[in-house]
Structure formats: C-alpha cells, structure tokens
Amino acid sequence: MRSAQRSHATRPRTMREFSAYGLAWATLWWLLSRGHADSWLVGVPTVLAAAGLSVWMAPPWSWRWNFVGMVRFAGYFVRASLAGGCDVAYRAIHPRLPIHPRMMVYHSRLPIGTAQVFFANAISLSPGTVSARLRHGKLTIHVLDARQPVRAKLAELEQAVGELFGVELPRERTGEETS
C-alpha cells in the first residue's frame, strides 16, 4: 500500500519531467532536421524514447530555475560574452599579443551539484576562460590574462548563476590561488 501511494505521489513529478525532457528533445530534433515535417516520422519515436530514457536515467530534479534570475542571467551572459569576445579579438590582433595565461583555483560558493556544474560550464562559454577541473567546490580555471579582474568577474557570474537557481550565496571567500 505504501509503495502504491509513493508511486502515485511521484507520477505528476515524473510527467512534468517527461514533458520537459520531451520539449527539449523535440526542440533539438526540430533544429537538427531544419523543421522538415517529414522527419517527424522518425522524430516522434526518437523524442519519446529520449525523453523516457532521460527521466529514467537522470537523477530527480532538486532545483528550479527562478524566472527573474533567468532573465538577469541571460542579460548578464549576453553582455559578458560581447565584452569578452571583443577583448579576445583585440588581444588576438594586437601585435604584442597582450596575454598573461595562468591556471587559477576558484572556490565556488554554490552548493555542490547542478548549479555548480552549470557555473563551471558557463565559465567555459565565456571568452578567455576555460574550466579545467571541478572537484569538491574547487574550480581550476585557465585564464587568458591573469592581470584582469578575473575573480571579480567569476564572482559576478557565480552570483548570476545563484540567482538563476534561486540560491542565496554566502559572503565571498578570500585568498587567491594560482599556479
């Protein structure tokens, strides 16, 4: 009796997840097939199978995106990407190639899990930085120019990710590590 109650109670969550994954996979299929209607003959079973496998294999969602945080993150990311792209382009065409590459360690204030992984991936999408390792809340990052205010930019990105996931971050940690 107890297991029947539990499975009935989790059904709406599973259906929400199935729907969310289905929408994501259907969007990807639509993009890859360039919107050709005849591709859905194969696409529908593929999307349904992918959504079902995603629900079955993925851990349960323990987070929700905050809509206001999503809008702020999108705005932040567009601004930071444009500024970073211009900076990298300037450095690439400058005759003296003004770079000072370094590996640095950043201690994330985000909780271990999805938000932290998202943060690490967002760092890699930002021009001039690449996440090399994430372990126990410590991110090892390759930066193009360590003379820039990299930590401040990382803290700003981390704050935006925290808002996106609805996480209130503790005060910033101090101390720098570079290698």
Protein backbone atom coordinates (compact mmCIF):
# COMPACT_ATOMS: atom_id res chain seq x y z
CA MET A 1 0.00 0.00 0.00
CA ARG A 2 2.77 2.37 0.89
CA SER A 3 4.65 1.85 -2.40
CA ALA A 4 1.43 2.47 -4.35
CA GLN A 5 0.99 5.79 -2.55
CA ARG A 6 4.58 6.73 -3.23
CA SER A 7 4.40 5.89 -6.95
CA HIS A 8 1.09 7.77 -7.27
CA ALA A 9 2.60 10.79 -5.48
CA THR A 10 5.64 10.85 -7.80
CA ARG A 11 3.63 10.47 -11.02
CA PRO A 12 2.99 14.23 -11.51
CA ARG A 13 6.70 14.94 -10.99
CA THR A 14 7.63 12.23 -13.49
CA MET A 15 5.12 13.52 -16.04
CA ARG A 16 6.45 17.08 -15.63
CA GLU A 17 9.99 15.83 -16.14
CA PHE A 18 8.92 13.69 -19.12
CA SER A 19 7.19 16.73 -20.64
CA ALA A 20 10.18 18.99 -20.03
CA TYR A 21 12.63 16.49 -21.49
CA GLY A 22 10.26 15.81 -24.38
CA LEU A 23 10.06 19.50 -25.19
CA ALA A 24 13.85 19.82 -25.03
CA TRP A 25 14.44 16.77 -27.25
CA ALA A 26 11.69 17.83 -29.69
CA THR A 27 13.26 21.27 -29.98
CA LEU A 28 16.65 19.71 -30.65
CA TRP A 29 15.12 17.37 -33.26
CA TRP A 30 13.35 20.30 -34.93
CA LEU A 31 16.62 22.27 -35.08
CA LEU A 32 18.63 19.34 -36.41
CA SER A 33 16.00 18.46 -39.03
CA ARG A 34 15.68 22.13 -40.02
CA GLY A 35 11.95 21.93 -39.41
CA HIS A 36 11.22 19.38 -42.14
CA ALA A 37 7.80 17.88 -41.37
CA ASP A 38 8.63 14.51 -42.94
CA SER A 39 11.43 13.96 -40.39
CA TRP A 40 8.88 13.59 -37.58
CA LEU A 41 8.07 10.05 -38.75
CA VAL A 42 11.38 9.09 -37.17
CA GLY A 43 11.49 12.08 -34.84
CA VAL A 44 8.42 11.31 -32.70
CA PRO A 45 9.56 7.83 -31.60
CA THR A 46 13.09 9.12 -31.12
CA VAL A 47 11.95 12.06 -28.98
CA LEU A 48 9.66 9.83 -26.90
CA ALA A 49 12.45 7.31 -26.34
CA ALA A 50 14.95 10.05 -25.47
CA ALA A 51 12.52 11.67 -23.02
CA GLY A 52 11.74 8.32 -21.40
CA LEU A 53 15.42 7.44 -21.06
CA SER A 54 16.16 10.91 -19.68
CA VAL A 55 13.54 10.52 -16.95
CA TRP A 56 14.73 7.01 -16.17
CA MET A 57 18.48 7.76 -16.13
CA ALA A 58 18.66 11.32 -14.81
CA PRO A 59 18.63 11.96 -11.08
CA PRO A 60 15.48 13.65 -9.74
CA TRP A 61 15.45 17.39 -10.13
CA SER A 62 16.31 19.03 -6.85
CA TRP A 63 16.32 22.57 -8.20
CA ARG A 64 14.14 25.00 -10.05
CA TRP A 65 15.16 27.95 -12.14
CA ASN A 66 13.98 31.32 -10.93
CA PHE A 67 12.32 33.25 -13.79
CA VAL A 68 13.70 36.63 -12.68
CA GLY A 69 17.11 35.03 -12.24
CA MET A 70 16.82 33.54 -15.74
CA VAL A 71 16.16 36.94 -17.28
CA ARG A 72 19.03 38.51 -15.32
CA PHE A 73 21.37 35.67 -16.25
CA ALA A 74 20.51 35.97 -19.94
CA GLY A 75 21.21 39.70 -19.85
CA TYR A 76 24.43 39.22 -17.92
CA PHE A 77 25.59 36.46 -20.24
CA VAL A 78 24.94 38.46 -23.42
CA ARG A 79 26.81 41.50 -22.03
CA ALA A 80 29.72 39.43 -20.71
CA SER A 81 30.00 37.42 -23.94
CA LEU A 82 30.11 40.54 -26.10
CA ALA A 83 32.66 42.26 -23.86
CA GLY A 84 34.77 39.11 -23.59
CA GLY A 85 34.61 38.45 -27.32
CA CYS A 86 35.78 41.98 -28.09
CA ASP A 87 38.58 41.63 -25.54
CA VAL A 88 39.79 38.31 -27.01
CA ALA A 89 39.59 39.70 -30.56
CA TYR A 90 41.64 42.76 -29.51
CA ARG A 91 44.29 40.55 -27.92
CA ALA A 92 44.41 38.25 -30.96
CA ILE A 93 45.07 41.07 -33.43
CA HIS A 94 47.32 43.16 -31.17
CA PRO A 95 50.95 42.99 -32.44
CA ARG A 96 52.34 42.27 -28.94
CA LEU A 97 49.67 39.66 -28.10
CA PRO A 98 48.95 41.03 -24.60
CA ILE A 99 48.15 37.84 -22.72
CA HIS A 100 49.26 36.51 -19.36
CA PRO A 101 47.80 32.99 -19.22
CA ARG A 102 47.51 31.24 -15.87
CA MET A 103 45.75 28.39 -14.16
CA MET A 104 43.87 29.57 -11.12
CA VAL A 105 41.68 27.98 -8.46
CA TYR A 106 38.32 29.46 -7.57
CA HIS A 107 36.36 28.24 -4.56
CA SER A 108 32.70 28.18 -5.54
CA ARG A 109 30.08 29.32 -3.06
CA LEU A 110 27.32 27.48 -4.93
CA PRO A 111 26.06 24.21 -3.48
CA ILE A 112 27.70 21.12 -4.93
CA GLY A 113 25.54 19.75 -7.72
CA THR A 114 23.72 21.11 -10.74
CA ALA A 115 24.22 24.81 -10.03
CA GLN A 116 27.97 24.36 -9.61
CA VAL A 117 28.27 22.32 -12.82
CA PHE A 118 26.23 24.95 -14.66
CA PHE A 119 28.59 27.63 -13.30
CA ALA A 120 31.67 25.68 -14.48
CA ASN A 121 30.17 25.28 -17.95
CA ALA A 122 29.18 28.95 -18.13
CA ILE A 123 32.78 29.87 -17.34
CA SER A 124 33.94 27.80 -20.31
CA LEU A 125 31.45 29.56 -22.58
CA SER A 126 32.87 32.94 -21.59
CA PRO A 127 35.72 34.12 -23.86
CA GLY A 128 39.17 33.99 -22.30
CA THR A 129 38.35 31.37 -19.65
CA VAL A 130 38.09 27.60 -19.62
CA SER A 131 37.09 25.39 -16.69
CA ALA A 132 39.67 22.64 -16.43
CA ARG A 133 38.50 20.83 -13.30
CA LEU A 134 35.71 20.87 -10.74
CA ARG A 135 36.22 18.95 -7.54
CA HIS A 136 34.60 19.46 -4.13
CA GLY A 137 33.66 23.05 -4.89
CA LYS A 138 37.11 23.99 -6.19
CA LEU A 139 37.26 25.06 -9.82
CA THR A 140 40.54 25.04 -11.68
CA ILE A 141 40.30 27.58 -14.47
CA HIS A 142 42.61 28.57 -17.30
CA VAL A 143 42.50 32.32 -17.89
CA LEU A 144 43.89 34.19 -20.86
CA ASP A 145 45.07 37.20 -18.87
CA ALA A 146 45.52 36.82 -15.11
CA ARG A 147 46.19 40.57 -14.79
CA GLN A 148 42.49 41.23 -15.40
CA PRO A 149 39.97 41.22 -12.51
CA VAL A 150 39.16 37.55 -13.13
CA ARG A 151 37.99 36.77 -9.58
CA ALA A 152 35.57 39.70 -9.59
CA LYS A 153 34.15 38.55 -12.93
CA LEU A 154 33.84 34.98 -11.67
CA ALA A 155 32.08 36.19 -8.51
CA GLU A 156 29.69 38.22 -10.67
CA LEU A 157 28.95 35.19 -12.87
CA GLU A 158 28.55 32.99 -9.79
CA GLN A 159 26.06 35.49 -8.34
CA ALA A 160 24.08 35.42 -11.62
CA VAL A 161 24.03 31.60 -11.56
CA GLY A 162 22.97 31.67 -7.91
CA GLU A 163 20.05 33.95 -8.79
CA LEU A 164 19.16 31.68 -11.71
CA PHE A 165 18.93 28.68 -9.37
CA GLY A 166 17.35 30.67 -6.54
CA VAL A 167 20.36 30.12 -4.27
CA GLU A 168 21.45 32.76 -1.80
CA LEU A 169 25.24 32.72 -1.75
CA PRO A 170 27.32 33.15 1.40
CA ARG A 171 29.79 36.03 1.53
CA GLU A 172 32.76 35.79 -0.81
CA ARG A 173 35.71 33.73 0.25
CA THR A 174 39.07 35.42 0.29
CA GLY A 175 42.50 34.24 -0.73
CA GLU A 176 43.79 33.56 -4.19
CA GLU A 177 45.49 30.52 -5.55
CA THR A 178 47.25 30.50 -8.90
CA SER A 179 49.66 28.10 -10.44
